[in-house]
N, C-alpha and C. Protein backbone atom coordinates (compact mmCIF):
# COMPACT_ATOMS: atom_id res chain seq x y z
N MET A 1 -48.78 -17.22 -16.77
CA MET A 1 -47.80 -16.55 -16.08
C MET A 1 -47.58 -15.76 -17.07
N ALA A 2 -46.77 -14.27 -16.51
CA ALA A 2 -46.89 -13.19 -17.14
C ALA A 2 -45.00 -13.95 -17.76
N GLU A 3 -44.86 -13.04 -18.78
CA GLU A 3 -43.16 -13.34 -19.12
C GLU A 3 -42.26 -12.61 -18.03
N ARG A 4 -41.11 -13.55 -18.19
CA ARG A 4 -39.97 -13.40 -17.21
C ARG A 4 -39.27 -12.33 -17.83
N PRO A 5 -38.37 -11.36 -17.06
CA PRO A 5 -37.47 -11.00 -17.61
C PRO A 5 -35.68 -11.70 -18.29
N VAL A 6 -35.50 -11.63 -19.24
CA VAL A 6 -34.01 -12.27 -19.23
C VAL A 6 -32.76 -11.91 -19.08
N ILE A 7 -32.66 -12.43 -17.97
CA ILE A 7 -30.80 -11.90 -17.16
C ILE A 7 -29.82 -12.49 -17.34
N ILE A 8 -28.76 -12.30 -18.33
CA ILE A 8 -28.00 -13.24 -18.18
C ILE A 8 -26.78 -12.21 -18.02
N GLN A 9 -25.86 -13.31 -17.39
CA GLN A 9 -24.64 -12.58 -16.83
C GLN A 9 -23.40 -12.56 -17.95
N ARG A 10 -22.87 -10.97 -18.53
CA ARG A 10 -22.32 -11.15 -19.62
C ARG A 10 -20.85 -11.91 -18.84
N GLN A 11 -19.93 -12.16 -19.93
CA GLN A 11 -18.98 -12.92 -20.27
C GLN A 11 -17.73 -12.37 -21.09
N GLY A 12 -16.40 -12.63 -20.64
CA GLY A 12 -15.46 -11.72 -21.71
C GLY A 12 -15.08 -10.59 -22.21
N PHE A 13 -15.44 -9.78 -21.40
CA PHE A 13 -15.74 -8.47 -22.08
C PHE A 13 -14.72 -7.80 -21.04
N GLY A 14 -14.52 -6.53 -21.87
CA GLY A 14 -13.12 -6.24 -21.48
C GLY A 14 -13.84 -4.19 -20.73
N LEU A 15 -13.23 -4.21 -19.57
CA LEU A 15 -13.81 -2.71 -19.46
C LEU A 15 -12.62 -1.89 -18.40
N ALA A 16 -12.46 -0.87 -18.41
CA ALA A 16 -11.30 0.24 -18.41
C ALA A 16 -12.34 1.77 -18.12
N THR A 17 -11.39 2.09 -16.86
CA THR A 17 -12.25 3.67 -16.66
C THR A 17 -11.10 4.57 -17.26
N ILE A 18 -11.78 5.36 -18.04
CA ILE A 18 -10.86 6.82 -19.07
C ILE A 18 -11.48 7.50 -17.95
N MET A 19 -10.14 8.64 -17.55
CA MET A 19 -10.64 9.89 -17.00
C MET A 19 -9.73 10.88 -17.56
N ALA A 20 -10.35 12.04 -18.11
CA ALA A 20 -9.41 12.98 -18.83
C ALA A 20 -8.82 14.06 -17.73
N ARG A 21 -7.44 14.42 -18.47
CA ARG A 21 -6.61 15.04 -17.28
C ARG A 21 -7.47 16.12 -17.38
N LYS A 22 -6.77 16.99 -16.49
CA LYS A 22 -7.42 18.70 -15.90
C LYS A 22 -7.31 19.05 -17.52
N GLY A 23 -8.19 19.93 -17.76
CA GLY A 23 -8.74 21.09 -18.91
C GLY A 23 -8.60 20.34 -20.09
N VAL A 24 -8.85 18.71 -20.29
CA VAL A 24 -8.53 18.36 -21.37
C VAL A 24 -10.28 17.88 -21.63
N LYS A 25 -10.74 18.30 -22.60
CA LYS A 25 -11.86 17.91 -22.96
C LYS A 25 -12.55 16.61 -24.04
N SER A 26 -13.52 16.45 -23.85
CA SER A 26 -14.16 15.06 -24.38
C SER A 26 -13.65 14.82 -26.21
N ASP A 27 -13.52 16.12 -26.72
CA ASP A 27 -13.20 16.40 -28.33
C ASP A 27 -11.81 15.70 -28.28
N ALA A 28 -11.06 16.18 -27.35
CA ALA A 28 -9.49 15.14 -27.44
C ALA A 28 -9.56 14.12 -27.26
N ILE A 29 -9.95 13.29 -26.36
CA ILE A 29 -10.67 12.13 -26.43
C ILE A 29 -11.00 11.40 -27.51
N ALA A 30 -12.16 11.90 -28.05
CA ALA A 30 -12.52 11.49 -29.07
C ALA A 30 -11.55 10.99 -30.42
N GLU A 31 -10.92 12.70 -30.71
CA GLU A 31 -9.86 12.79 -31.48
C GLU A 31 -9.08 11.40 -31.49
N ALA A 32 -8.57 11.39 -29.91
CA ALA A 32 -7.55 10.05 -29.99
C ALA A 32 -7.75 8.60 -30.00
N LEU A 33 -9.21 8.63 -29.91
CA LEU A 33 -9.77 7.12 -30.00
C LEU A 33 -10.64 7.09 -31.63
N ASN A 34 -10.59 8.58 -31.93
CA ASN A 34 -11.46 8.29 -33.48
C ASN A 34 -12.83 7.93 -33.44
N ILE A 35 -13.57 8.35 -32.34
CA ILE A 35 -14.84 7.91 -32.13
C ILE A 35 -15.33 9.29 -31.79
N GLU A 36 -17.10 9.13 -32.22
CA GLU A 36 -17.38 10.60 -31.78
C GLU A 36 -18.09 10.64 -30.00
N ILE A 37 -17.88 11.16 -29.46
CA ILE A 37 -18.41 11.19 -28.29
C ILE A 37 -19.68 12.23 -27.53
N ASP A 38 -20.53 11.71 -27.31
CA ASP A 38 -21.77 12.24 -26.61
C ASP A 38 -21.47 12.82 -25.24
N GLU A 39 -22.04 14.31 -25.30
CA GLU A 39 -21.45 14.65 -23.95
C GLU A 39 -22.55 14.47 -23.19
N GLY A 40 -22.25 13.80 -21.29
CA GLY A 40 -23.37 13.47 -20.53
C GLY A 40 -23.35 12.49 -20.33
N PRO A 41 -24.13 11.85 -19.77
CA PRO A 41 -24.35 10.56 -19.03
C PRO A 41 -24.75 9.58 -20.66
N ARG A 42 -24.29 9.44 -21.35
CA ARG A 42 -24.54 8.84 -22.72
C ARG A 42 -23.78 7.44 -22.96
N VAL A 43 -24.23 6.53 -24.04
CA VAL A 43 -23.60 5.31 -24.24
C VAL A 43 -23.12 6.12 -25.98
N CYS A 44 -21.84 5.86 -26.23
CA CYS A 44 -21.54 6.17 -27.89
C CYS A 44 -20.17 5.77 -28.02
N GLY A 45 -19.76 5.46 -29.55
CA GLY A 45 -18.50 4.96 -29.73
C GLY A 45 -18.87 3.92 -31.07
N THR A 46 -18.70 3.35 -30.98
CA THR A 46 -18.37 2.03 -32.28
C THR A 46 -18.93 0.44 -31.61
N ALA A 47 -19.03 -0.73 -32.95
CA ALA A 47 -19.16 -1.53 -32.34
C ALA A 47 -18.15 -2.58 -31.42
N ASP A 48 -16.66 -1.36 -31.69
CA ASP A 48 -15.37 -2.27 -31.15
C ASP A 48 -15.10 -1.67 -29.55
N LEU A 49 -15.53 -0.81 -29.75
CA LEU A 49 -15.45 0.13 -28.60
C LEU A 49 -16.24 1.19 -27.97
N THR A 50 -16.79 0.67 -27.04
CA THR A 50 -18.32 1.74 -26.48
C THR A 50 -17.55 2.33 -25.16
N LEU A 51 -18.19 3.89 -25.25
CA LEU A 51 -18.06 4.83 -24.36
C LEU A 51 -18.94 5.06 -23.23
N ILE A 52 -19.11 4.68 -22.17
CA ILE A 52 -20.32 4.78 -21.27
C ILE A 52 -19.64 6.11 -20.52
N GLY A 53 -20.75 7.26 -20.42
CA GLY A 53 -20.41 8.05 -19.64
C GLY A 53 -20.72 7.98 -18.43
N THR A 54 -19.89 8.10 -17.33
CA THR A 54 -20.30 7.77 -15.91
C THR A 54 -20.26 9.26 -14.96
N ALA A 55 -20.02 10.30 -15.38
CA ALA A 55 -19.50 11.73 -14.92
C ALA A 55 -18.71 12.38 -15.67
N PRO A 56 -18.53 14.16 -15.55
CA PRO A 56 -18.14 14.82 -16.23
C PRO A 56 -16.63 14.55 -16.70
N GLU A 57 -16.66 14.26 -18.08
CA GLU A 57 -15.17 14.10 -18.97
C GLU A 57 -14.80 12.28 -17.84
N THR A 58 -15.95 11.72 -17.77
CA THR A 58 -15.20 9.93 -17.27
C THR A 58 -15.97 9.37 -17.69
N TRP A 59 -15.06 7.89 -18.46
CA TRP A 59 -16.30 6.89 -19.18
C TRP A 59 -15.47 5.68 -18.82
N LEU A 60 -16.55 4.84 -18.93
CA LEU A 60 -16.25 3.19 -18.60
C LEU A 60 -16.20 2.73 -20.18
N ALA A 61 -15.01 2.27 -20.60
CA ALA A 61 -14.82 2.06 -21.92
C ALA A 61 -14.93 0.35 -22.10
N PHE A 62 -15.97 0.07 -22.75
CA PHE A 62 -16.75 -1.40 -23.05
C PHE A 62 -16.22 -2.05 -24.11
N THR A 63 -15.84 -3.44 -24.16
CA THR A 63 -15.71 -4.09 -25.46
C THR A 63 -15.86 -5.42 -25.43
N ALA A 64 -16.90 -6.16 -25.79
CA ALA A 64 -17.57 -7.35 -25.85
C ALA A 64 -16.32 -8.13 -26.57
N THR A 65 -14.88 -8.31 -27.29
CA THR A 65 -14.20 -8.59 -27.48
C THR A 65 -12.87 -8.40 -27.03
N PRO A 66 -12.13 -8.16 -26.26
CA PRO A 66 -11.49 -7.74 -25.74
C PRO A 66 -9.71 -8.41 -26.31
N GLY A 67 -8.90 -7.94 -26.70
CA GLY A 67 -7.86 -8.52 -26.73
C GLY A 67 -6.94 -8.49 -26.07
N ASP A 68 -5.35 -9.32 -26.73
CA ASP A 68 -4.36 -8.81 -25.46
C ASP A 68 -3.92 -7.50 -25.34
N ARG A 69 -4.27 -7.08 -24.21
CA ARG A 69 -3.68 -5.44 -23.85
C ARG A 69 -4.55 -4.58 -24.58
N TRP A 70 -5.88 -5.17 -24.45
CA TRP A 70 -6.51 -3.93 -24.96
C TRP A 70 -6.94 -2.74 -24.49
N ALA A 71 -6.70 -3.04 -23.14
CA ALA A 71 -6.90 -1.26 -22.12
C ALA A 71 -5.38 -0.87 -22.69
N GLN A 72 -4.45 -1.28 -22.94
CA GLN A 72 -2.82 -0.58 -22.86
C GLN A 72 -3.04 0.17 -23.89
N ALA A 73 -3.93 -0.68 -25.35
CA ALA A 73 -3.58 -0.30 -26.36
C ALA A 73 -4.65 1.07 -25.87
N ILE A 74 -5.53 1.25 -25.86
CA ILE A 74 -6.28 2.52 -25.31
C ILE A 74 -5.49 3.59 -24.26
N GLU A 75 -4.79 3.39 -23.79
CA GLU A 75 -3.77 4.05 -22.85
C GLU A 75 -2.89 4.82 -23.42
N GLN A 76 -2.05 3.86 -24.31
CA GLN A 76 -0.88 4.83 -25.09
C GLN A 76 -1.54 5.45 -26.28
N ARG A 77 -3.21 5.43 -26.35
CA ARG A 77 -3.56 6.32 -27.30
C ARG A 77 -4.44 7.49 -27.04
N LEU A 78 -4.23 7.28 -25.28
CA LEU A 78 -4.69 8.77 -24.63
C LEU A 78 -3.78 9.21 -23.76
N SER A 79 -2.60 8.59 -23.91
CA SER A 79 -0.94 9.38 -23.20
C SER A 79 -1.41 10.54 -22.75
N ASN A 80 -0.63 11.55 -22.01
CA ASN A 80 -0.74 12.41 -21.59
C ASN A 80 -2.23 13.08 -21.49
N ILE A 81 -3.30 13.07 -22.02
CA ILE A 81 -4.79 13.56 -22.25
C ILE A 81 -5.39 12.90 -20.69
N ALA A 82 -5.05 11.47 -20.90
CA ALA A 82 -6.04 10.64 -19.97
C ALA A 82 -5.56 9.75 -19.30
N ALA A 83 -6.20 9.49 -17.99
CA ALA A 83 -5.75 8.27 -17.24
C ALA A 83 -6.57 7.08 -17.67
N VAL A 84 -5.94 5.77 -17.72
CA VAL A 84 -6.88 4.70 -18.25
C VAL A 84 -6.78 3.72 -17.34
N SER A 85 -7.66 2.98 -16.59
CA SER A 85 -7.29 1.91 -15.95
C SER A 85 -8.23 0.68 -15.99
N GLU A 86 -7.68 -0.25 -16.06
CA GLU A 86 -8.05 -1.58 -16.13
C GLU A 86 -9.24 -2.09 -15.31
N GLN A 87 -10.37 -2.27 -15.91
CA GLN A 87 -11.58 -2.74 -14.75
C GLN A 87 -12.38 -3.84 -15.00
N SER A 88 -11.96 -4.86 -15.93
CA SER A 88 -12.66 -6.15 -16.32
C SER A 88 -12.71 -7.37 -15.21
N GLY A 89 -11.86 -6.98 -14.59
CA GLY A 89 -12.02 -8.19 -12.99
C GLY A 89 -12.36 -7.51 -11.87
N GLY A 90 -12.82 -6.21 -12.09
CA GLY A 90 -13.67 -5.58 -10.96
C GLY A 90 -15.25 -5.30 -10.99
N TYR A 91 -15.78 -5.88 -12.27
CA TYR A 91 -17.19 -5.23 -12.42
C TYR A 91 -17.63 -6.61 -12.91
N VAL A 92 -18.95 -6.86 -12.61
CA VAL A 92 -20.07 -8.09 -13.49
C VAL A 92 -21.14 -6.91 -13.98
N ILE A 93 -21.03 -7.51 -15.73
CA ILE A 93 -22.14 -6.87 -16.25
C ILE A 93 -23.32 -8.42 -16.65
N PHE A 94 -24.76 -7.48 -15.80
CA PHE A 94 -26.26 -8.36 -16.37
C PHE A 94 -26.64 -7.57 -17.23
N SER A 95 -26.99 -8.37 -18.21
CA SER A 95 -27.87 -7.73 -19.36
C SER A 95 -29.36 -8.04 -19.23
N ILE A 96 -30.17 -6.97 -18.99
CA ILE A 96 -31.77 -7.82 -18.51
C ILE A 96 -32.52 -6.96 -19.40
N SER A 97 -33.36 -7.99 -19.82
CA SER A 97 -34.20 -8.00 -21.59
C SER A 97 -35.54 -8.42 -21.33
N GLY A 98 -36.37 -7.63 -22.24
CA GLY A 98 -37.54 -8.73 -21.93
C GLY A 98 -38.86 -7.32 -21.60
N LEU A 99 -39.99 -7.73 -21.76
CA LEU A 99 -41.28 -6.70 -21.35
C LEU A 99 -41.18 -6.46 -20.17
N LYS A 100 -41.10 -7.26 -19.06
CA LYS A 100 -40.76 -7.33 -17.57
C LYS A 100 -39.53 -6.37 -17.25
N ALA A 101 -38.26 -6.27 -18.21
CA ALA A 101 -37.15 -5.79 -17.76
C ALA A 101 -37.20 -4.56 -17.07
N VAL A 102 -37.69 -3.78 -17.72
CA VAL A 102 -38.72 -1.87 -16.76
C VAL A 102 -39.28 -2.44 -15.61
N ALA A 103 -39.88 -3.34 -15.49
CA ALA A 103 -41.00 -3.44 -14.32
C ALA A 103 -39.87 -4.13 -12.84
N LEU A 104 -38.64 -4.83 -13.54
CA LEU A 104 -37.94 -5.37 -12.38
C LEU A 104 -37.24 -4.18 -12.02
N LEU A 105 -36.62 -3.48 -12.82
CA LEU A 105 -35.35 -2.80 -12.88
C LEU A 105 -36.47 -1.15 -11.75
N GLN A 106 -37.61 -0.75 -12.03
CA GLN A 106 -38.06 -0.44 -11.11
C GLN A 106 -38.22 -0.22 -10.15
N ARG A 107 -38.11 -1.86 -9.44
CA ARG A 107 -38.40 -2.18 -8.11
C ARG A 107 -37.34 -1.68 -7.01
N GLY A 108 -36.16 -1.13 -7.87
CA GLY A 108 -34.83 -0.90 -7.18
C GLY A 108 -34.41 -0.06 -7.13
N ALA A 109 -34.60 1.06 -8.29
CA ALA A 109 -33.95 2.16 -9.61
C ALA A 109 -35.00 3.12 -9.14
N PHE A 110 -34.54 4.24 -8.60
CA PHE A 110 -35.71 5.48 -8.61
C PHE A 110 -35.58 5.97 -9.98
N ILE A 111 -35.57 5.53 -11.17
CA ILE A 111 -35.30 6.11 -12.07
C ILE A 111 -36.79 5.81 -13.12
N ASP A 112 -37.27 7.00 -14.14
CA ASP A 112 -37.84 6.63 -14.98
C ASP A 112 -37.20 6.20 -16.20
N PHE A 113 -38.03 4.67 -16.30
CA PHE A 113 -37.37 4.08 -17.38
C PHE A 113 -37.79 4.15 -18.70
N ASP A 114 -39.00 5.39 -19.16
CA ASP A 114 -39.56 4.70 -19.76
C ASP A 114 -38.79 5.68 -21.68
N PRO A 115 -38.92 5.00 -22.59
CA PRO A 115 -37.94 5.02 -23.49
C PRO A 115 -38.21 7.00 -23.72
N SER A 116 -39.29 7.68 -23.23
CA SER A 116 -39.35 9.33 -24.11
C SER A 116 -38.32 9.78 -22.66
N ALA A 117 -37.93 9.14 -21.47
CA ALA A 117 -37.48 9.99 -20.06
C ALA A 117 -35.86 9.28 -20.23
N PHE A 118 -35.53 7.67 -20.75
CA PHE A 118 -34.64 7.08 -20.45
C PHE A 118 -34.33 6.46 -21.88
N PRO A 119 -33.82 7.11 -22.96
CA PRO A 119 -34.38 6.74 -24.36
C PRO A 119 -32.39 5.40 -24.35
N THR A 120 -32.88 4.67 -25.73
CA THR A 120 -31.40 3.79 -26.18
C THR A 120 -30.39 4.97 -25.66
N GLY A 121 -28.90 4.53 -25.28
CA GLY A 121 -27.94 5.29 -25.08
C GLY A 121 -27.69 6.20 -24.03
N SER A 122 -28.82 6.05 -23.08
CA SER A 122 -29.02 6.86 -21.64
C SER A 122 -28.28 6.16 -20.78
N VAL A 123 -27.57 6.42 -19.82
CA VAL A 123 -26.67 5.78 -18.39
C VAL A 123 -27.34 6.56 -17.29
N ALA A 124 -27.27 5.74 -15.89
CA ALA A 124 -27.97 5.96 -15.23
C ALA A 124 -26.31 5.40 -13.90
N THR A 125 -26.15 6.25 -13.13
CA THR A 125 -25.05 5.86 -11.97
C THR A 125 -25.96 5.96 -10.50
N THR A 126 -26.74 4.91 -10.11
CA THR A 126 -27.41 4.83 -9.00
C THR A 126 -27.60 3.55 -8.42
N SER A 127 -28.50 3.47 -7.71
CA SER A 127 -28.36 1.98 -6.36
C SER A 127 -29.44 1.54 -6.83
N ILE A 128 -29.42 -0.06 -6.27
CA ILE A 128 -30.66 -0.72 -6.22
C ILE A 128 -30.10 -1.78 -5.15
N ALA A 129 -30.96 -1.68 -4.26
CA ALA A 129 -30.99 -2.43 -2.73
C ALA A 129 -30.05 -2.28 -2.58
N ARG A 130 -29.45 -0.91 -2.29
CA ARG A 130 -28.29 -0.21 -1.35
C ARG A 130 -27.06 -1.03 -2.39
N LEU A 131 -27.06 -0.89 -3.68
CA LEU A 131 -25.62 -1.47 -4.51
C LEU A 131 -25.94 -0.41 -5.23
N GLY A 132 -24.12 -0.07 -5.34
CA GLY A 132 -24.36 1.22 -5.92
C GLY A 132 -23.83 0.06 -7.97
N VAL A 133 -24.76 0.93 -9.04
CA VAL A 133 -25.03 0.50 -10.38
C VAL A 133 -24.59 1.22 -11.26
N ILE A 134 -24.26 1.03 -12.19
CA ILE A 134 -24.48 1.68 -13.45
C ILE A 134 -25.39 1.30 -14.59
N ILE A 135 -26.51 1.61 -14.97
CA ILE A 135 -27.20 1.55 -15.63
C ILE A 135 -27.17 2.30 -17.24
N TRP A 136 -27.69 1.60 -18.24
CA TRP A 136 -27.20 2.13 -19.30
C TRP A 136 -28.78 1.23 -20.34
N ARG A 137 -29.26 1.98 -21.19
CA ARG A 137 -30.03 1.16 -22.46
C ARG A 137 -29.52 0.95 -22.94
N SER A 138 -29.44 -0.19 -23.81
CA SER A 138 -28.85 -0.87 -24.93
C SER A 138 -29.36 -1.24 -26.04
N GLY A 139 -30.94 -0.66 -26.20
CA GLY A 139 -31.83 -1.48 -27.33
C GLY A 139 -32.77 -0.58 -27.34
N ASP A 140 -33.60 -0.65 -28.56
CA ASP A 140 -34.97 -0.30 -28.57
C ASP A 140 -36.15 -0.83 -27.55
N LYS A 141 -35.98 -2.20 -27.70
CA LYS A 141 -36.67 -2.65 -26.62
C LYS A 141 -36.19 -2.85 -25.68
N PRO A 142 -37.02 -3.03 -24.51
CA PRO A 142 -36.44 -2.75 -22.90
C PRO A 142 -34.90 -4.22 -23.29
N THR A 143 -34.13 -3.19 -22.98
CA THR A 143 -32.82 -4.17 -23.07
C THR A 143 -31.91 -3.20 -21.95
N PHE A 144 -31.42 -3.70 -21.32
CA PHE A 144 -30.82 -2.93 -19.90
C PHE A 144 -29.39 -3.52 -19.19
N GLU A 145 -28.50 -3.00 -19.68
CA GLU A 145 -27.12 -3.23 -19.56
C GLU A 145 -27.03 -2.55 -17.44
N VAL A 146 -26.33 -3.61 -16.74
CA VAL A 146 -26.35 -3.26 -15.58
C VAL A 146 -25.25 -3.83 -14.73
N ALA A 147 -24.44 -2.37 -14.13
CA ALA A 147 -22.80 -3.12 -14.14
C ALA A 147 -22.22 -2.55 -12.51
N LEU A 148 -22.00 -2.93 -11.85
CA LEU A 148 -21.48 -3.40 -10.62
C LEU A 148 -20.23 -4.07 -10.46
N PHE A 149 -19.85 -3.59 -9.06
CA PHE A 149 -18.66 -4.30 -8.52
C PHE A 149 -18.62 -5.65 -8.49
N ARG A 150 -17.82 -6.82 -8.69
CA ARG A 150 -17.72 -7.78 -8.79
C ARG A 150 -18.16 -8.55 -7.28
N SER A 151 -17.93 -7.87 -6.31
CA SER A 151 -18.28 -8.50 -5.16
C SER A 151 -19.58 -8.20 -4.60
N TYR A 152 -20.20 -7.55 -5.45
CA TYR A 152 -21.95 -7.62 -5.22
C TYR A 152 -22.51 -8.19 -5.76
N ALA A 153 -21.94 -9.35 -6.73
CA ALA A 153 -22.93 -9.63 -7.66
C ALA A 153 -23.78 -10.94 -6.99
N GLU A 154 -23.37 -11.31 -6.07
CA GLU A 154 -24.28 -12.27 -5.38
C GLU A 154 -25.26 -11.46 -4.51
N SER A 155 -25.09 -10.81 -4.13
CA SER A 155 -26.19 -9.41 -3.48
C SER A 155 -27.16 -9.42 -4.46
N PHE A 156 -26.51 -8.84 -5.67
CA PHE A 156 -27.53 -7.97 -6.78
C PHE A 156 -28.33 -9.32 -7.33
N ARG A 157 -28.05 -10.75 -7.24
CA ARG A 157 -28.50 -11.72 -7.97
C ARG A 157 -29.81 -12.22 -6.43
N GLU A 158 -29.19 -12.08 -5.50
CA GLU A 158 -30.37 -12.60 -4.34
C GLU A 158 -31.57 -11.43 -4.85
N TRP A 159 -31.03 -10.16 -4.88
CA TRP A 159 -32.02 -9.28 -4.82
C TRP A 159 -33.20 -9.14 -6.04
N ILE A 160 -32.48 -9.75 -7.33
CA ILE A 160 -33.48 -10.44 -8.64
C ILE A 160 -34.02 -11.43 -8.14
N ALA A 161 -33.86 -12.53 -7.09
CA ALA A 161 -34.55 -13.61 -7.08
C ALA A 161 -35.40 -13.42 -6.17
N SER A 162 -35.30 -12.05 -5.25
CA SER A 162 -36.44 -11.92 -4.26
C SER A 162 -37.49 -11.11 -5.11
N THR A 163 -37.07 -10.71 -6.32
CA THR A 163 -38.30 -9.17 -6.47
C THR A 163 -38.81 -10.14 -7.83
N LEU A 164 -38.28 -11.17 -8.56
CA LEU A 164 -38.69 -11.98 -9.75
C LEU A 164 -40.59 -12.30 -9.57
N PRO A 165 -40.61 -12.88 -7.96
CA PRO A 165 -42.03 -13.95 -7.75
C PRO A 165 -43.28 -12.06 -7.94
N SER A 166 -42.80 -11.17 -7.50
CA SER A 166 -43.78 -10.42 -7.38
C SER A 166 -43.94 -9.19 -8.41
N LEU A 167 -43.55 -9.69 -9.29
CA LEU A 167 -43.58 -9.04 -10.91
C LEU A 167 -44.74 -9.76 -11.62
């Protein structure tokens, strides 16, 4: 039997949207957060705070280890230059890895997941099985993170279950 992808629903993470105010560019956000920001749909940041570019001057801020009031701390650092909204309770994130991860995702998303077209750090906002998702490649081996609204999690799990037997 061929190797199946490893699918894990992440737990205990922190997620917040950051939207730069009108006229504010990413370099001001980068300076306030003391991180480098890559332009466009890219993943950047540090081990403690990752920014996932989802639109011009808009990011999802991710941390695997949120402390108390972590989003409020970001909001304070970005006061007057960006709007910050805590999203941890509104999203689920599935980590999908292994040799068949690309095959699984290609069954639902119309994206070229080849590393030459979608290298580590790439981000795409798209849909899988009519569900809005944000996908980013998080490692050199086939590892992808898929974020979607929590209310769609069961539908996404059903799509995975119906797709896996055909891999």
